[in-house]
Amino acid sequence: MKRLLAAMIAGAALSVAAAPAFAAEVAYKLDSSHTQTSFAIDRFGFTSILGMFAQSEGTIWLDEAAPEKSRVEATVTVDSLLSANTARDEHLKAERWLNAAKNPTMTFKSTKVEKTGDTTAKVTGDMTIMGVTQPVTLDVKLNKIGVGNNQKKQAGFTITGQISRKAFGHTIGAGAIGDAVNIRIEALAVAQ
């Protein structure tokens, strides 16, 4: 009986050891020094104003074996807005526009990831701007996963999408300033 029990335990141990390893999600922290959130918005039909938010933080939980199980939570600091014009920066951060004092951050929390190709996905989530939360879908491209010069595993992404100012309750300058805000994010995240 003892031999039979020992053989069963040994067999179970061997079957577990021989079973394929299942990938699990890995937490990657955004590297704020290598992540940029940029935007473009029409101004009077003559040109588009370009800008970026220089400070962001967040976590991407990446499941390489099942990308649809991946998720993300990110925060952008409104006061880090830069548009290559100091007066315009202060104007946009003031109460009339983004009101950085009252709404210091913009956030995104994913609710769904839909794989669209080997390195692409549509990521839907709740975006909060100026205290208003709306569902937004962004196109995400995984540029590369590998070991960076810091000897840690890294993942790089290009994220694009478009939001409506009106959807977030902002109609100031309608007709002169476009409603559509084009977003592009270049994100680097480092495995924890």
Protein backbone atom coordinates (compact mmCIF):
# COMPACT_ATOMS: atom_id res chain seq x y z
CA MET A 1 0.00 0.00 0.00
CA LYS A 2 2.82 2.39 0.87
CA ARG A 3 4.51 1.62 -2.47
CA LEU A 4 1.26 2.26 -4.35
CA LEU A 5 0.74 5.58 -2.54
CA ALA A 6 4.35 6.62 -3.19
CA ALA A 7 3.99 5.71 -6.88
CA MET A 8 0.77 7.74 -7.15
CA ILE A 9 2.40 10.79 -5.52
CA ALA A 10 5.44 10.47 -7.79
CA GLY A 11 3.20 10.15 -10.85
CA ALA A 12 1.17 13.21 -9.84
CA ALA A 13 4.35 15.22 -9.29
CA LEU A 14 5.69 14.18 -12.71
CA SER A 15 2.43 15.07 -14.46
CA VAL A 16 2.41 18.52 -12.85
CA ALA A 17 6.05 19.07 -13.79
CA ALA A 18 5.36 17.96 -17.37
CA ALA A 19 2.25 20.14 -17.78
CA PRO A 20 2.70 23.23 -19.97
CA ALA A 21 3.23 26.45 -18.08
CA PHE A 22 0.35 28.88 -18.44
CA ALA A 23 1.33 32.49 -18.94
CA ALA A 24 -0.02 34.88 -16.39
CA GLU A 25 -0.42 38.60 -16.53
CA VAL A 26 2.65 40.66 -15.75
CA ALA A 27 2.39 44.14 -14.26
CA TYR A 28 4.24 46.84 -16.21
CA LYS A 29 4.58 50.34 -14.76
CA LEU A 30 4.53 53.27 -17.18
CA ASP A 31 7.92 54.95 -17.47
CA SER A 32 6.85 58.60 -17.35
CA SER A 33 10.16 59.82 -18.77
CA HIS A 34 9.51 57.79 -21.94
CA THR A 35 5.73 58.18 -22.19
CA GLN A 36 4.07 61.09 -23.96
CA THR A 37 0.36 61.82 -24.30
CA SER A 38 -0.16 64.17 -27.22
CA PHE A 39 -3.22 65.78 -28.78
CA ALA A 40 -4.25 67.77 -31.84
CA ILE A 41 -7.35 69.95 -32.19
CA ASP A 42 -8.57 72.16 -35.04
CA ARG A 43 -8.40 75.95 -34.55
CA PHE A 44 -10.65 78.02 -36.84
CA GLY A 45 -10.05 75.59 -39.70
CA PHE A 46 -6.68 77.21 -40.39
CA THR A 47 -4.46 74.88 -38.42
CA SER A 48 -4.39 72.32 -35.65
CA ILE A 49 -3.00 73.11 -32.24
CA LEU A 50 -0.63 70.40 -31.03
CA GLY A 51 0.14 69.74 -27.42
CA MET A 52 1.14 67.11 -24.95
CA PHE A 53 0.90 66.16 -21.31
CA ALA A 54 4.37 65.48 -19.95
CA GLN A 55 3.43 63.65 -16.73
CA SER A 56 1.61 60.36 -16.58
CA GLU A 57 1.61 57.23 -14.49
CA GLY A 58 -0.14 53.92 -14.59
CA THR A 59 0.03 50.17 -14.82
CA ILE A 60 -0.52 47.78 -17.71
CA TRP A 61 -1.25 44.20 -16.75
CA LEU A 62 -0.14 42.35 -19.88
CA ASP A 63 -1.10 38.74 -20.56
CA GLU A 64 0.98 37.71 -23.58
CA ALA A 65 -0.76 34.33 -23.93
CA ALA A 66 -4.26 35.84 -23.79
CA PRO A 67 -4.05 39.56 -24.70
CA GLU A 68 -7.82 39.97 -24.27
CA LYS A 69 -7.27 39.43 -20.53
CA SER A 70 -4.84 42.37 -20.36
CA ARG A 71 -5.89 45.62 -18.72
CA VAL A 72 -4.65 49.14 -18.05
CA GLU A 73 -5.13 52.00 -15.62
CA ALA A 74 -3.47 55.34 -16.36
CA THR A 75 -3.49 58.88 -15.02
CA VAL A 76 -2.36 62.05 -16.79
CA THR A 77 -1.51 65.23 -14.86
CA VAL A 78 -3.43 68.15 -16.42
CA ASP A 79 -0.97 70.77 -15.10
CA SER A 80 1.80 69.12 -17.19
CA LEU A 81 0.21 70.43 -20.43
CA LEU A 82 2.67 71.88 -22.95
CA SER A 83 1.70 73.43 -26.30
CA ALA A 84 4.87 75.37 -27.19
CA ASN A 85 3.26 78.62 -26.03
CA THR A 86 3.36 79.55 -22.33
CA ALA A 87 0.38 81.93 -22.51
CA ARG A 88 -1.75 79.30 -24.26
CA ASP A 89 -0.66 76.64 -21.75
CA GLU A 90 -1.84 78.78 -18.84
CA HIS A 91 -5.06 79.62 -20.70
CA LEU A 92 -5.85 75.93 -21.34
CA LYS A 93 -5.11 74.93 -17.75
CA ALA A 94 -7.32 77.73 -16.35
CA GLU A 95 -10.91 77.42 -15.14
CA ARG A 96 -12.53 78.20 -18.49
CA TRP A 97 -10.91 75.24 -20.29
CA LEU A 98 -9.43 72.21 -18.47
CA ASN A 99 -9.60 73.69 -14.96
CA ALA A 100 -6.48 71.94 -13.66
CA ALA A 101 -7.05 73.33 -10.15
CA LYS A 102 -10.42 71.57 -9.84
CA ASN A 103 -9.63 68.55 -12.05
CA PRO A 104 -5.91 67.87 -11.63
CA THR A 105 -5.93 64.55 -13.48
CA MET A 106 -7.44 62.73 -16.44
CA THR A 107 -7.81 58.97 -16.09
CA PHE A 108 -8.41 55.88 -18.20
CA LYS A 109 -9.39 52.46 -16.87
CA SER A 110 -9.90 49.67 -19.39
CA THR A 111 -13.03 47.54 -19.42
CA LYS A 112 -12.41 45.44 -22.54
CA VAL A 113 -9.52 44.40 -24.79
CA GLU A 114 -10.32 43.07 -28.25
CA LYS A 115 -7.39 41.63 -30.20
CA THR A 116 -7.47 42.81 -33.83
CA GLY A 117 -4.15 41.43 -35.08
CA ASP A 118 -0.87 39.88 -33.96
CA THR A 119 0.27 43.16 -32.39
CA THR A 120 -2.90 45.27 -32.37
CA ALA A 121 -6.01 45.62 -30.25
CA LYS A 122 -8.95 47.86 -29.54
CA VAL A 123 -8.99 48.81 -25.87
CA THR A 124 -12.24 50.18 -24.48
CA GLY A 125 -12.42 51.84 -21.10
CA ASP A 126 -13.76 54.61 -18.93
CA MET A 127 -12.03 57.94 -19.55
CA THR A 128 -12.54 60.76 -17.08
CA ILE A 129 -11.84 64.36 -18.12
CA MET A 130 -12.98 67.42 -16.12
CA GLY A 131 -14.96 65.16 -13.80
CA VAL A 132 -16.97 63.57 -16.62
CA THR A 133 -16.58 59.86 -17.39
CA GLN A 134 -17.32 58.46 -20.86
CA PRO A 135 -16.56 55.16 -22.59
CA VAL A 136 -13.72 55.52 -25.12
CA THR A 137 -12.16 52.99 -27.48
CA LEU A 138 -8.49 53.40 -28.39
CA ASP A 139 -6.41 51.61 -31.04
CA VAL A 140 -3.34 50.04 -29.48
CA LYS A 141 -0.26 48.71 -31.25
CA LEU A 142 2.31 46.71 -29.34
CA ASN A 143 5.60 47.92 -30.82
CA LYS A 144 7.98 45.62 -28.98
CA ILE A 145 8.48 43.49 -25.89
CA GLY A 146 12.04 42.81 -24.82
CA VAL A 147 14.82 43.55 -22.41
CA GLY A 148 15.79 47.21 -22.31
CA ASN A 149 19.11 48.83 -21.49
CA ASN A 150 18.10 48.71 -17.81
CA GLN A 151 18.15 44.89 -18.09
CA LYS A 152 14.43 44.73 -17.31
CA LYS A 153 11.64 43.50 -19.53
CA GLN A 154 9.88 46.38 -21.26
CA ALA A 155 6.89 46.86 -23.55
CA GLY A 156 6.38 49.76 -25.93
CA PHE A 157 3.00 50.84 -27.32
CA THR A 158 1.55 53.38 -29.75
CA ILE A 159 -2.02 54.32 -28.82
CA THR A 160 -4.32 56.42 -30.99
CA GLY A 161 -7.91 57.55 -30.81
CA GLN A 162 -10.31 60.45 -30.92
CA ILE A 163 -12.65 61.94 -28.34
CA SER A 164 -15.39 64.56 -28.51
CA ARG A 165 -15.06 67.66 -26.31
CA LYS A 166 -18.86 67.89 -26.22
CA ALA A 167 -19.13 64.34 -24.83
CA PHE A 168 -17.11 65.53 -21.83
CA GLY A 169 -19.29 68.60 -21.34
CA HIS A 170 -16.96 71.11 -22.98
CA THR A 171 -18.47 73.35 -25.65
CA ILE A 172 -16.53 76.60 -25.17
CA GLY A 173 -15.39 77.94 -28.52
CA ALA A 174 -17.70 75.63 -30.50
CA GLY A 175 -17.52 76.53 -34.17
CA ALA A 176 -14.08 78.07 -33.76
CA ILE A 177 -12.35 75.26 -31.90
CA GLY A 178 -13.00 71.75 -33.19
CA ASP A 179 -14.99 69.21 -31.22
CA ALA A 180 -12.78 66.26 -32.18
CA VAL A 181 -9.57 65.85 -30.19
CA ASN A 182 -7.08 63.45 -31.76
CA ILE A 183 -4.98 61.54 -29.25
CA ARG A 184 -1.63 59.81 -29.72
CA ILE A 185 0.25 58.20 -26.86
CA GLU A 186 3.73 56.75 -27.05
CA ALA A 187 4.08 54.60 -23.96
CA LEU A 188 6.95 52.64 -22.49
CA ALA A 189 6.20 50.31 -19.60
CA VAL A 190 8.66 48.35 -17.46
CA ALA A 191 7.89 44.94 -15.91
CA GLN A 192 7.75 44.92 -12.13
